[in-house]
N, C-alpha and C. Protein backbone atom coordinates (compact mmCIF):
# COMPACT_ATOMS: atom_id res chain seq x y z
N MET A 1 -17.58 7.66 -15.76
CA MET A 1 -16.03 7.29 -14.68
C MET A 1 -15.93 7.72 -13.41
N THR A 2 -16.95 8.31 -13.34
CA THR A 2 -17.26 8.50 -11.51
C THR A 2 -18.09 7.21 -10.85
N PHE A 3 -19.21 6.84 -11.34
CA PHE A 3 -19.73 5.55 -11.17
C PHE A 3 -18.77 4.41 -11.19
N TRP A 4 -17.87 4.49 -12.05
CA TRP A 4 -17.07 3.21 -12.19
C TRP A 4 -15.84 3.07 -11.03
N ALA A 5 -15.49 3.97 -10.64
CA ALA A 5 -14.98 4.38 -9.86
C ALA A 5 -15.51 3.96 -8.11
N LEU A 6 -16.30 4.76 -8.21
CA LEU A 6 -17.42 4.19 -6.79
C LEU A 6 -17.74 2.81 -7.06
N LEU A 7 -18.22 2.36 -7.75
CA LEU A 7 -18.46 1.01 -8.43
C LEU A 7 -16.94 -0.13 -7.57
N PHE A 8 -16.11 0.09 -8.06
CA PHE A 8 -14.76 -0.36 -7.73
C PHE A 8 -13.96 -0.11 -6.31
N SER A 9 -14.52 1.15 -5.49
CA SER A 9 -14.46 1.65 -3.98
C SER A 9 -14.92 0.26 -2.97
N LEU A 10 -16.23 0.68 -3.83
CA LEU A 10 -17.09 -0.44 -2.83
C LEU A 10 -16.79 -2.14 -2.51
N PHE A 11 -16.24 -2.71 -3.76
CA PHE A 11 -15.58 -4.01 -3.96
C PHE A 11 -14.51 -3.51 -3.12
N PHE A 12 -13.35 -2.72 -3.19
CA PHE A 12 -12.16 -2.87 -2.58
C PHE A 12 -12.04 -2.52 -1.07
N SER A 13 -12.78 -1.83 -0.91
CA SER A 13 -13.33 -1.73 0.42
C SER A 13 -13.72 -2.79 1.51
N GLN A 14 -14.66 -3.62 0.78
CA GLN A 14 -15.34 -4.64 1.45
C GLN A 14 -14.27 -5.41 1.94
N ASN A 15 -13.05 -5.62 1.57
CA ASN A 15 -11.52 -5.98 1.99
C ASN A 15 -10.63 -5.44 3.08
N LEU A 16 -10.47 -4.01 2.59
CA LEU A 16 -10.22 -3.66 3.50
C LEU A 16 -10.35 -2.37 4.63
N VAL A 17 -11.67 -2.07 4.25
CA VAL A 17 -12.18 -1.46 4.97
C VAL A 17 -12.84 -2.27 6.45
N LEU A 18 -13.60 -3.10 5.56
CA LEU A 18 -14.58 -3.68 6.72
C LEU A 18 -14.16 -4.91 7.59
N SER A 19 -12.79 -5.53 6.99
CA SER A 19 -12.83 -6.51 7.29
C SER A 19 -11.86 -6.40 8.91
N GLY A 20 -11.20 -5.97 8.86
CA GLY A 20 -10.42 -5.93 10.09
C GLY A 20 -11.30 -4.74 11.09
N TYR A 21 -11.89 -4.13 10.86
CA TYR A 21 -12.70 -3.19 11.78
C TYR A 21 -14.18 -3.48 11.68
N LEU A 22 -15.04 -3.79 11.33
CA LEU A 22 -16.59 -3.74 11.25
C LEU A 22 -16.86 -5.07 11.61
N GLY A 23 -16.23 -5.96 10.99
CA GLY A 23 -16.03 -7.61 11.82
C GLY A 23 -16.49 -8.42 10.31
N PHE A 24 -15.98 -7.89 9.22
CA PHE A 24 -16.94 -9.01 8.08
C PHE A 24 -15.10 -9.43 7.57
N SER A 25 -15.09 -10.88 7.03
CA SER A 25 -14.25 -11.81 6.34
C SER A 25 -13.47 -10.67 5.34
N GLY A 26 -12.35 -10.77 5.08
CA GLY A 26 -11.67 -10.22 3.93
C GLY A 26 -10.38 -9.85 4.40
N LEU A 27 -9.64 -9.00 4.51
CA LEU A 27 -8.06 -8.93 4.15
C LEU A 27 -8.18 -9.40 6.17
N SER A 28 -6.94 -10.43 6.03
CA SER A 28 -6.78 -10.54 7.69
C SER A 28 -5.60 -9.63 7.53
N ARG A 29 -5.37 -9.69 9.53
CA ARG A 29 -4.41 -9.34 9.68
C ARG A 29 -2.72 -9.51 9.36
N VAL A 30 -2.16 -8.70 8.97
CA VAL A 30 -0.49 -9.11 8.70
C VAL A 30 0.93 -8.58 9.87
N SER A 31 1.27 -9.88 10.28
CA SER A 31 2.75 -8.94 11.80
C SER A 31 3.42 -7.95 10.80
N GLY A 32 3.97 -7.98 11.73
CA GLY A 32 5.03 -6.92 12.25
C GLY A 32 6.71 -7.35 10.89
N SER A 33 6.53 -8.90 10.76
CA SER A 33 7.66 -9.38 9.86
C SER A 33 7.31 -9.62 8.60
N SER A 34 5.80 -8.94 8.23
CA SER A 34 5.32 -9.64 6.65
C SER A 34 5.57 -8.83 6.04
N PHE A 35 5.79 -7.65 5.83
CA PHE A 35 6.13 -6.00 5.61
C PHE A 35 6.46 -6.49 3.70
N SER A 36 8.06 -7.53 4.40
CA SER A 36 8.46 -7.23 2.87
C SER A 36 7.23 -8.53 1.12
N LYS A 37 7.06 -9.30 3.02
CA LYS A 37 5.80 -10.10 1.55
C LYS A 37 4.47 -9.01 1.31
N LEU A 38 4.12 -8.51 1.78
CA LEU A 38 3.51 -7.37 1.52
C LEU A 38 3.65 -6.44 0.33
N ILE A 39 4.61 -5.67 0.27
CA ILE A 39 4.99 -5.36 -0.74
C ILE A 39 5.38 -6.35 -2.09
N LEU A 40 5.59 -7.93 -1.89
CA LEU A 40 5.89 -8.51 -2.47
C LEU A 40 4.39 -8.47 -3.50
N SER A 41 3.70 -8.91 -2.14
CA SER A 41 1.96 -9.43 -2.91
C SER A 41 1.40 -8.12 -3.90
N SER A 42 1.90 -6.60 -3.33
CA SER A 42 1.43 -5.84 -3.99
C SER A 42 1.70 -5.64 -5.61
N LEU A 43 2.94 -5.93 -5.68
CA LEU A 43 3.97 -5.64 -6.79
C LEU A 43 3.14 -6.69 -7.60
N VAL A 44 3.09 -7.96 -7.50
CA VAL A 44 2.88 -9.01 -7.72
C VAL A 44 1.30 -8.72 -8.85
N ILE A 45 0.11 -8.32 -7.53
CA ILE A 45 -1.19 -7.75 -7.94
C ILE A 45 -0.43 -6.73 -9.34
N THR A 46 -0.55 -5.80 -8.50
CA THR A 46 0.01 -4.38 -9.97
C THR A 46 0.69 -5.25 -11.31
N ILE A 47 1.30 -5.90 -11.16
CA ILE A 47 1.72 -7.05 -12.92
C ILE A 47 0.49 -7.30 -13.08
N PHE A 48 0.34 -8.09 -12.68
CA PHE A 48 -1.24 -8.57 -12.76
C PHE A 48 -2.31 -7.69 -12.97
N LEU A 49 -2.68 -7.31 -12.80
CA LEU A 49 -3.70 -5.81 -12.93
C LEU A 49 -2.45 -4.98 -14.66
N VAL A 50 -2.14 -4.95 -15.18
CA VAL A 50 -1.35 -4.51 -15.73
C VAL A 50 -1.81 -5.80 -17.11
N VAL A 51 -1.50 -6.48 -16.69
CA VAL A 51 -1.36 -8.01 -17.66
C VAL A 51 -3.33 -8.19 -17.98
N TYR A 52 -4.47 -7.71 -17.16
CA TYR A 52 -4.89 -8.03 -17.57
C TYR A 52 -6.27 -6.52 -18.25
N SER A 53 -5.06 -5.83 -18.32
CA SER A 53 -6.29 -4.38 -18.52
C SER A 53 -4.88 -4.62 -20.21
N LEU A 54 -3.43 -5.11 -20.44
CA LEU A 54 -3.24 -4.69 -22.03
C LEU A 54 -4.38 -6.17 -22.42
N LEU A 55 -4.53 -7.62 -21.90
CA LEU A 55 -5.97 -8.40 -22.47
C LEU A 55 -6.79 -7.91 -23.25
N SER A 56 -7.47 -7.04 -22.14
CA SER A 56 -8.62 -6.34 -21.93
C SER A 56 -8.69 -5.36 -23.09
N PHE A 57 -7.43 -4.93 -23.50
CA PHE A 57 -7.27 -3.77 -24.39
C PHE A 57 -7.15 -4.65 -25.72
N LEU A 58 -6.26 -5.72 -25.73
CA LEU A 58 -5.90 -6.48 -27.26
C LEU A 58 -7.47 -6.87 -27.69
N LEU A 59 -8.32 -7.39 -26.34
CA LEU A 59 -9.48 -8.03 -27.01
C LEU A 59 -10.63 -6.96 -27.71
N SER A 60 -10.62 -5.33 -27.14
CA SER A 60 -11.46 -4.71 -27.75
C SER A 60 -11.08 -4.63 -29.10
N LEU A 61 -9.55 -4.55 -29.62
CA LEU A 61 -8.96 -3.84 -30.71
C LEU A 61 -9.56 -5.00 -31.45
N VAL A 62 -9.74 -6.73 -31.15
CA VAL A 62 -10.11 -7.75 -32.18
C VAL A 62 -11.49 -7.59 -32.56
N LEU A 63 -13.05 -7.60 -30.88
CA LEU A 63 -13.98 -7.14 -31.43
C LEU A 63 -14.50 -6.62 -32.54
N ALA A 64 -13.59 -5.21 -32.21
CA ALA A 64 -13.95 -4.11 -33.03
C ALA A 64 -13.71 -4.46 -34.43
N PHE A 65 -12.52 -5.37 -34.78
CA PHE A 65 -11.91 -5.41 -35.65
C PHE A 65 -12.87 -6.10 -36.76
N PHE A 66 -13.88 -7.54 -35.91
CA PHE A 66 -14.67 -8.45 -36.68
C PHE A 66 -15.80 -7.54 -36.10
N SER A 67 -16.36 -6.70 -35.73
CA SER A 67 -17.75 -5.48 -35.70
C SER A 67 -18.65 -6.61 -34.75
N LEU A 68 -17.88 -7.32 -33.94
CA LEU A 68 -18.65 -7.85 -32.26
C LEU A 68 -19.13 -6.89 -31.27
N GLY A 69 -18.84 -5.98 -31.44
CA GLY A 69 -19.01 -4.87 -30.21
C GLY A 69 -19.94 -4.89 -29.12
N GLY A 70 -21.11 -5.88 -29.98
CA GLY A 70 -22.57 -6.26 -28.82
C GLY A 70 -21.73 -7.54 -28.25
N LEU A 71 -20.76 -8.35 -28.37
CA LEU A 71 -20.58 -9.08 -27.35
C LEU A 71 -18.96 -8.89 -26.88
N HIS A 72 -19.16 -7.23 -26.52
CA HIS A 72 -17.61 -6.96 -25.67
C HIS A 72 -18.03 -7.30 -23.87
N PHE A 73 -19.20 -6.90 -23.25
CA PHE A 73 -19.40 -7.15 -22.25
C PHE A 73 -19.39 -8.95 -21.97
N PHE A 74 -19.74 -9.44 -22.08
CA PHE A 74 -19.40 -10.59 -22.25
C PHE A 74 -18.36 -11.72 -22.76
N LEU A 75 -17.40 -11.38 -23.49
CA LEU A 75 -16.17 -11.64 -23.34
C LEU A 75 -15.35 -10.89 -22.25
N LEU A 76 -15.07 -9.91 -21.76
CA LEU A 76 -14.96 -9.47 -20.62
C LEU A 76 -15.23 -10.08 -19.53
N ILE A 77 -16.19 -10.96 -19.18
CA ILE A 77 -16.83 -11.06 -17.90
C ILE A 77 -16.05 -12.66 -17.87
N SER A 78 -15.96 -13.58 -19.14
CA SER A 78 -15.64 -14.32 -18.93
C SER A 78 -14.11 -14.28 -19.27
N LEU A 79 -13.57 -13.24 -19.51
CA LEU A 79 -11.81 -13.41 -19.50
C LEU A 79 -11.65 -13.05 -18.17
N GLY A 80 -12.50 -12.19 -17.59
CA GLY A 80 -11.86 -11.85 -15.90
C GLY A 80 -12.30 -13.45 -15.25
N PHE A 81 -13.71 -14.03 -15.31
CA PHE A 81 -13.29 -15.46 -14.54
C PHE A 81 -12.31 -16.67 -15.17
N GLY A 82 -12.16 -16.27 -16.30
CA GLY A 82 -10.83 -17.12 -16.53
C GLY A 82 -9.56 -16.76 -16.04
N LEU A 83 -9.39 -15.54 -15.76
CA LEU A 83 -8.49 -15.43 -15.13
C LEU A 83 -8.32 -15.31 -13.44
N ALA A 84 -9.52 -15.49 -12.78
CA ALA A 84 -9.85 -15.50 -11.88
C ALA A 84 -9.88 -17.48 -11.88
N LYS A 85 -10.02 -18.08 -12.37
CA LYS A 85 -9.71 -19.70 -11.95
C LYS A 85 -8.37 -19.73 -12.31
N LEU A 86 -7.80 -19.26 -13.16
CA LEU A 86 -6.07 -19.19 -13.00
C LEU A 86 -5.27 -18.86 -12.19
N SER A 87 -5.81 -17.55 -11.09
CA SER A 87 -5.12 -17.34 -9.70
C SER A 87 -5.87 -18.45 -9.34
N SER A 88 -6.83 -18.91 -9.05
CA SER A 88 -6.77 -19.89 -7.88
C SER A 88 -5.90 -21.79 -8.44
N ALA A 89 -5.62 -21.59 -9.06
CA ALA A 89 -4.99 -22.53 -9.54
C ALA A 89 -3.61 -22.14 -9.17
N PHE A 90 -3.63 -20.60 -8.98
CA PHE A 90 -1.64 -20.57 -8.93
C PHE A 90 -1.71 -20.36 -7.08
N SER A 91 -2.60 -20.36 -6.95
CA SER A 91 -2.19 -20.72 -5.13
C SER A 91 -2.88 -21.59 -4.09
N ARG A 92 -2.61 -22.77 -5.20
CA ARG A 92 -2.15 -24.01 -4.57
C ARG A 92 -1.33 -24.87 -4.21
N PHE A 93 -0.09 -23.78 -5.13
CA PHE A 93 0.96 -23.79 -5.14
C PHE A 93 1.91 -24.23 -3.03
N SER A 94 2.61 -24.49 -2.92
CA SER A 94 3.10 -23.72 -1.53
C SER A 94 3.48 -23.23 -1.55
N TRP A 95 4.73 -22.41 -2.52
CA TRP A 95 5.24 -21.61 -2.38
C TRP A 95 4.48 -20.00 -2.25
N ALA A 96 3.26 -20.14 -2.84
CA ALA A 96 2.39 -19.29 -3.32
C ALA A 96 1.72 -19.01 -2.13
N GLN A 97 1.27 -20.14 -1.26
CA GLN A 97 0.62 -19.83 -0.19
C GLN A 97 1.06 -19.05 1.01
N GLY A 98 2.47 -19.32 0.83
CA GLY A 98 3.41 -18.99 2.12
C GLY A 98 3.47 -17.58 2.06
N LEU A 99 4.07 -17.05 0.66
CA LEU A 99 3.60 -15.71 0.06
C LEU A 99 2.58 -14.73 0.29
N PHE A 100 1.56 -15.79 -0.21
CA PHE A 100 0.08 -14.49 -0.30
C PHE A 100 -0.83 -15.45 0.05
N PRO A 101 -1.31 -14.95 1.75
CA PRO A 101 -2.03 -16.14 2.20
C PRO A 101 -3.39 -16.44 1.85
N HIS A 102 -4.12 -15.03 0.66
CA HIS A 102 -4.94 -14.88 0.26
C HIS A 102 -4.81 -14.39 -1.70
N THR A 103 -4.29 -15.15 -1.82
CA THR A 103 -4.18 -14.81 -3.21
C THR A 103 -5.41 -15.18 -4.37
N GLN A 104 -6.02 -15.75 -4.06
CA GLN A 104 -6.93 -15.68 -4.76
C GLN A 104 -7.80 -14.34 -4.60
N GLU A 105 -8.18 -14.66 -3.19
CA GLU A 105 -8.78 -12.86 -3.00
C GLU A 105 -8.68 -11.96 -3.49
N PHE A 106 -7.39 -11.64 -3.95
CA PHE A 106 -6.50 -10.37 -3.93
C PHE A 106 -6.59 -10.60 -5.42
N LEU A 107 -6.17 -11.73 -6.01
CA LEU A 107 -6.46 -11.34 -7.60
C LEU A 107 -7.33 -11.16 -8.37
N PHE A 108 -8.47 -11.96 -7.17
CA PHE A 108 -10.11 -11.94 -7.61
C PHE A 108 -9.89 -10.30 -7.89
N ASN A 109 -10.13 -9.31 -6.61
CA ASN A 109 -9.69 -8.04 -6.61
C ASN A 109 -9.27 -7.71 -8.32
N SER A 110 -7.89 -7.53 -8.05
CA SER A 110 -7.16 -7.07 -9.37
C SER A 110 -8.44 -7.38 -10.84
N VAL A 111 -8.91 -8.58 -10.28
CA VAL A 111 -9.76 -9.00 -12.12
C VAL A 111 -11.04 -7.69 -11.82
N LEU A 112 -11.62 -7.58 -10.92
CA LEU A 112 -12.36 -6.47 -10.51
C LEU A 112 -11.98 -5.29 -10.95
N LEU A 113 -11.00 -4.80 -10.90
CA LEU A 113 -10.04 -3.12 -11.07
C LEU A 113 -10.02 -3.45 -12.38
N GLY A 114 -8.81 -4.51 -12.94
CA GLY A 114 -9.04 -4.49 -14.24
C GLY A 114 -9.93 -3.88 -15.29
N GLY A 115 -11.53 -4.96 -15.01
CA GLY A 115 -12.44 -4.18 -15.40
C GLY A 115 -13.08 -2.96 -15.29
N VAL A 116 -12.78 -2.34 -14.13
CA VAL A 116 -13.16 -1.33 -14.01
C VAL A 116 -12.11 0.12 -14.85
N LEU A 117 -11.16 -0.94 -14.82
CA LEU A 117 -9.74 0.57 -15.20
C LEU A 117 -10.02 0.69 -16.99
N PHE A 118 -10.71 -0.55 -17.37
CA PHE A 118 -10.76 -0.56 -18.97
C PHE A 118 -11.79 -0.20 -19.17
N PHE A 119 -13.27 -0.30 -18.49
CA PHE A 119 -13.96 0.34 -18.79
C PHE A 119 -14.25 1.58 -18.88
N THR A 120 -13.09 2.35 -18.33
CA THR A 120 -12.82 3.91 -17.72
C THR A 120 -11.92 4.41 -18.94
N SER A 121 -10.99 3.44 -19.39
CA SER A 121 -10.05 3.73 -20.34
C SER A 121 -10.64 3.55 -21.94
N TYR A 122 -11.85 3.19 -22.00
CA TYR A 122 -12.45 2.56 -23.21
C TYR A 122 -12.16 3.43 -24.53
N ASN A 123 -11.84 3.15 -25.88
CA ASN A 123 -11.71 3.92 -26.96
C ASN A 123 -10.83 4.84 -26.61
N THR A 124 -9.77 4.76 -26.01
CA THR A 124 -8.00 5.29 -25.28
C THR A 124 -7.19 4.50 -26.20
N ASP A 125 -5.77 5.45 -26.00
CA ASP A 125 -4.97 4.57 -26.53
C ASP A 125 -4.33 3.72 -25.64
N ILE A 126 -3.39 2.60 -26.05
CA ILE A 126 -2.87 1.52 -24.73
C ILE A 126 -1.98 2.29 -24.32
N PHE A 127 -1.11 3.54 -24.09
CA PHE A 127 -0.73 4.36 -23.22
C PHE A 127 -1.37 4.77 -22.35
N SER A 128 -2.48 4.72 -22.21
CA SER A 128 -3.84 5.29 -21.17
C SER A 128 -3.86 4.14 -20.65
N VAL A 129 -4.26 3.09 -21.67
CA VAL A 129 -4.33 1.80 -19.99
C VAL A 129 -3.48 1.92 -19.51
N LEU A 130 -2.62 1.76 -19.98
CA LEU A 130 -1.40 1.08 -19.30
C LEU A 130 -1.12 2.55 -18.00
N ALA A 131 -1.41 3.36 -18.12
CA ALA A 131 -0.89 4.70 -17.20
C ALA A 131 -1.73 4.75 -16.07
N VAL A 132 -3.23 4.11 -16.24
CA VAL A 132 -4.30 3.68 -15.44
C VAL A 132 -4.62 2.36 -14.75
N ALA A 133 -3.78 1.39 -15.29
CA ALA A 133 -3.57 0.30 -14.84
C ALA A 133 -2.19 0.30 -13.98
N LEU A 134 -1.15 1.07 -14.10
CA LEU A 134 -0.38 1.29 -12.83
C LEU A 134 -0.48 2.52 -11.97
N GLY A 135 -1.29 3.25 -11.90
CA GLY A 135 -1.54 4.12 -10.94
C GLY A 135 -2.56 3.55 -10.39
N GLY A 136 -3.78 2.48 -11.07
CA GLY A 136 -4.63 1.47 -9.51
C GLY A 136 -3.83 1.19 -9.26
N GLY A 137 -2.79 -0.03 -9.79
CA GLY A 137 -2.38 -1.18 -8.99
C GLY A 137 -1.10 -0.27 -7.91
N LEU A 138 -0.66 0.85 -8.18
CA LEU A 138 0.07 1.74 -7.28
C LEU A 138 -1.20 1.71 -6.15
N GLY A 139 -2.00 2.49 -6.48
CA GLY A 139 -2.98 2.91 -5.24
C GLY A 139 -3.46 1.71 -4.51
N TYR A 140 -3.94 0.55 -5.19
CA TYR A 140 -3.86 -0.60 -4.42
C TYR A 140 -2.82 -0.92 -3.39
N SER A 141 -1.62 -0.95 -3.98
CA SER A 141 -0.42 -0.81 -2.70
C SER A 141 -0.88 0.00 -1.75
N PHE A 142 -0.79 1.74 -2.08
CA PHE A 142 -0.20 2.17 -1.30
C PHE A 142 -1.73 2.33 0.53
N VAL A 143 -2.86 2.56 0.07
CA VAL A 143 -3.98 1.51 0.42
C VAL A 143 -4.14 0.62 1.63
N ARG A 144 -3.14 -0.80 1.26
CA ARG A 144 -2.87 -2.06 1.51
C ARG A 144 -1.94 -2.07 2.48
N ILE A 145 -0.64 -0.79 2.53
CA ILE A 145 0.23 -1.24 3.33
C ILE A 145 -0.33 -0.10 4.24
N ILE A 146 -1.66 1.75 4.40
CA ILE A 146 -1.33 2.07 5.04
C ILE A 146 -2.90 0.68 6.09
N PHE A 147 -3.41 0.44 5.67
CA PHE A 147 -4.33 -0.77 6.24
C PHE A 147 -3.13 -1.62 7.35
N TRP A 148 -2.16 -1.49 6.69
CA TRP A 148 -1.27 -2.78 7.16
C TRP A 148 -1.18 -2.11 8.73
N GLY A 149 -0.36 -0.92 8.49
CA GLY A 149 0.51 -0.05 9.88
C GLY A 149 -0.71 -0.40 10.54
N LEU A 150 -1.95 0.55 10.08
CA LEU A 150 -2.87 0.36 11.30
C LEU A 150 -3.04 -0.71 11.83
N GLY A 151 -3.23 -1.60 11.39
CA GLY A 151 -3.67 -3.38 11.54
C GLY A 151 -2.24 -3.44 12.73
N LEU A 152 -0.55 -3.27 12.56
CA LEU A 152 -0.20 -3.40 13.79
C LEU A 152 -0.70 -2.54 14.93
N ARG A 153 -1.17 -1.50 15.25
CA ARG A 153 -2.12 -0.25 15.99
C ARG A 153 -3.15 -1.14 16.87
N TRP A 154 -3.39 -1.26 15.49
CA TRP A 154 -4.88 -1.74 16.43
C TRP A 154 -5.98 -2.66 15.66
N THR A 155 -6.35 -4.42 15.91
CA THR A 155 -6.62 -4.95 16.07
C THR A 155 -8.51 -5.23 16.16
N ARG A 156 -8.81 -5.52 15.86
CA ARG A 156 -10.46 -6.31 16.08
C ARG A 156 -10.50 -6.05 17.21
N GLU A 157 -9.47 -7.06 18.37
CA GLU A 157 -9.76 -7.01 19.46
C GLU A 157 -9.69 -6.16 20.53
N VAL A 158 -8.59 -5.71 20.02
CA VAL A 158 -8.35 -4.63 21.27
C VAL A 158 -8.43 -3.21 20.61
N ILE A 159 -9.59 -2.67 19.27
CA ILE A 159 -9.93 -1.70 19.37
C ILE A 159 -10.38 -0.83 20.66
N PRO A 160 -10.04 0.55 20.82
CA PRO A 160 -10.11 0.82 22.23
C PRO A 160 -12.23 1.26 22.36
N VAL A 161 -12.17 1.58 23.76
CA VAL A 161 -13.96 1.51 23.41
C VAL A 161 -14.07 2.86 22.95
N HIS A 162 -13.16 4.15 23.65
CA HIS A 162 -13.80 5.23 23.32
C HIS A 162 -13.88 5.39 20.73
N LEU A 163 -13.12 4.74 20.42
CA LEU A 163 -13.53 4.08 19.36
C LEU A 163 -14.54 3.66 18.37
N LYS A 164 -15.15 2.67 19.75
CA LYS A 164 -16.21 1.90 18.96
C LYS A 164 -17.73 2.67 18.45
N GLY A 165 -18.55 2.29 17.71
CA GLY A 165 -19.40 2.69 17.49
C GLY A 165 -19.40 4.02 16.66
N TRP A 166 -20.11 5.45 16.60
CA TRP A 166 -20.11 6.06 16.38
C TRP A 166 -18.56 6.81 15.46
N PRO A 167 -17.47 7.06 16.42
CA PRO A 167 -16.01 7.27 15.33
C PRO A 167 -15.80 6.05 14.68
N LEU A 168 -15.93 4.82 15.02
CA LEU A 168 -15.76 4.17 14.11
C LEU A 168 -16.10 4.29 12.74
N THR A 169 -17.15 4.36 13.10
CA THR A 169 -18.35 4.15 11.27
C THR A 169 -17.92 5.49 10.53
N LEU A 170 -17.46 6.84 11.51
CA LEU A 170 -16.63 7.67 10.73
C LEU A 170 -15.21 8.08 10.11
N VAL A 171 -14.79 6.89 11.24
CA VAL A 171 -13.24 6.28 10.31
C VAL A 171 -13.61 5.69 9.01
N ALA A 172 -14.64 4.58 9.35
CA ALA A 172 -14.66 3.89 8.06
C ALA A 172 -15.24 4.44 6.56
N LEU A 173 -16.37 5.37 6.79
CA LEU A 173 -16.54 6.15 5.59
C LEU A 173 -15.40 7.20 5.47
N GLY A 174 -15.06 7.28 5.72
CA GLY A 174 -13.33 8.50 5.69
C GLY A 174 -12.85 7.81 5.19
N THR A 175 -12.72 6.42 5.07
CA THR A 175 -11.64 5.48 4.02
C THR A 175 -11.88 5.59 3.20
N LEU A 176 -13.62 5.36 2.99
CA LEU A 176 -14.80 4.84 1.52
C LEU A 176 -14.20 6.23 0.52
N GLY A 177 -14.25 7.38 1.26
CA GLY A 177 -13.95 8.61 0.59
C GLY A 177 -12.78 9.08 -0.29
N LEU A 178 -11.47 8.70 0.77
CA LEU A 178 -10.81 8.54 0.76
C LEU A 178 -9.80 7.44 -0.77
N VAL A 179 -10.71 6.22 -0.68
CA VAL A 179 -10.45 5.12 -1.75
C VAL A 179 -11.00 5.46 -3.05
N PHE A 180 -12.22 6.35 -2.20
CA PHE A 180 -13.18 6.51 -4.24
C PHE A 180 -12.31 7.89 -4.25
N SER A 181 -11.81 8.69 -3.89
CA SER A 181 -10.98 9.73 -3.96
C SER A 181 -9.75 9.55 -4.73
N CYS A 182 -9.31 8.71 -4.76
CA CYS A 182 -7.55 8.35 -5.34
C CYS A 182 -8.04 7.89 -6.37
N PHE A 183 -8.68 6.40 -6.59
CA PHE A 183 -8.88 6.26 -7.73
C PHE A 183 -9.34 6.17 -8.83
N ASN A 184 -10.43 7.30 -8.58
CA ASN A 184 -11.67 8.52 -9.66
C ASN A 184 -10.16 9.26 -10.01
N GLY A 185 -8.83 10.09 -9.17
CA GLY A 185 -7.87 10.54 -9.87
C GLY A 185 -7.61 9.92 -10.63
N PHE A 186 -7.27 8.69 -10.28
CA PHE A 186 -5.96 7.72 -11.07
C PHE A 186 -6.36 7.89 -12.66
N PHE A 187 -7.89 7.32 -12.65
CA PHE A 187 -8.89 7.49 -13.94
C PHE A 187 -8.62 8.67 -14.37
N THR A 188 -9.27 9.95 -13.84
CA THR A 188 -8.94 10.50 -14.44
C THR A 188 -7.46 11.09 -15.11
N TRP A 189 -6.89 11.33 -14.38
CA TRP A 189 -5.37 11.18 -14.90
C TRP A 189 -4.75 10.51 -16.42
N GLY A 190 -5.46 9.31 -15.97
CA GLY A 190 -5.08 8.30 -17.31
C GLY A 190 -5.96 8.59 -18.70
N ARG A 191 -7.35 8.86 -18.27
CA ARG A 191 -7.66 9.27 -19.63
C ARG A 191 -7.52 10.61 -19.80
N GLY A 192 -6.28 11.60 -19.38
CA GLY A 192 -6.04 12.58 -19.81
C GLY A 192 -4.40 12.84 -20.55
N LEU A 193 -4.09 11.27 -20.08
CA LEU A 193 -2.85 11.49 -20.68
C LEU A 193 -2.74 11.46 -22.63
């Protein structure tokens, strides 16, 4: 459980921590007038995550019924890539591009999260899967809003000189720890239901 939470934290933080502060490509800056779009896109990602987790849970039941447990990992990966392809097609619509400028990137992250949540909820009931999926989606939204607020104050071009170097690195590492702790807590809470 801890391993999967840490693994997802690395994927997740690549777009949130490293993008705006350490110069890597990822989550773009969001203007002050885009807060409502940020909330809407976060809700869509949460819904997408719940759907993916439910599909994964149903897939595990089908595999167990036909005694195909050995193909479990392969079929989950196939399902993930299929949903990522659907999200790519979805992002081509003009109205979707206006609402989610990085729809494919965010939905692919939610596919990764869905896989991690499913593995941590393996062999549990459907209510635990839903609880973990909702917890993960809300955590995803919460951290995005935090970084949206930070982006309003400091962008990569105007980071104060006294925060560059080690202070900035410590902020990034601290945020990694926060993301890891939050999602590990969601996993534990979901499994305990």
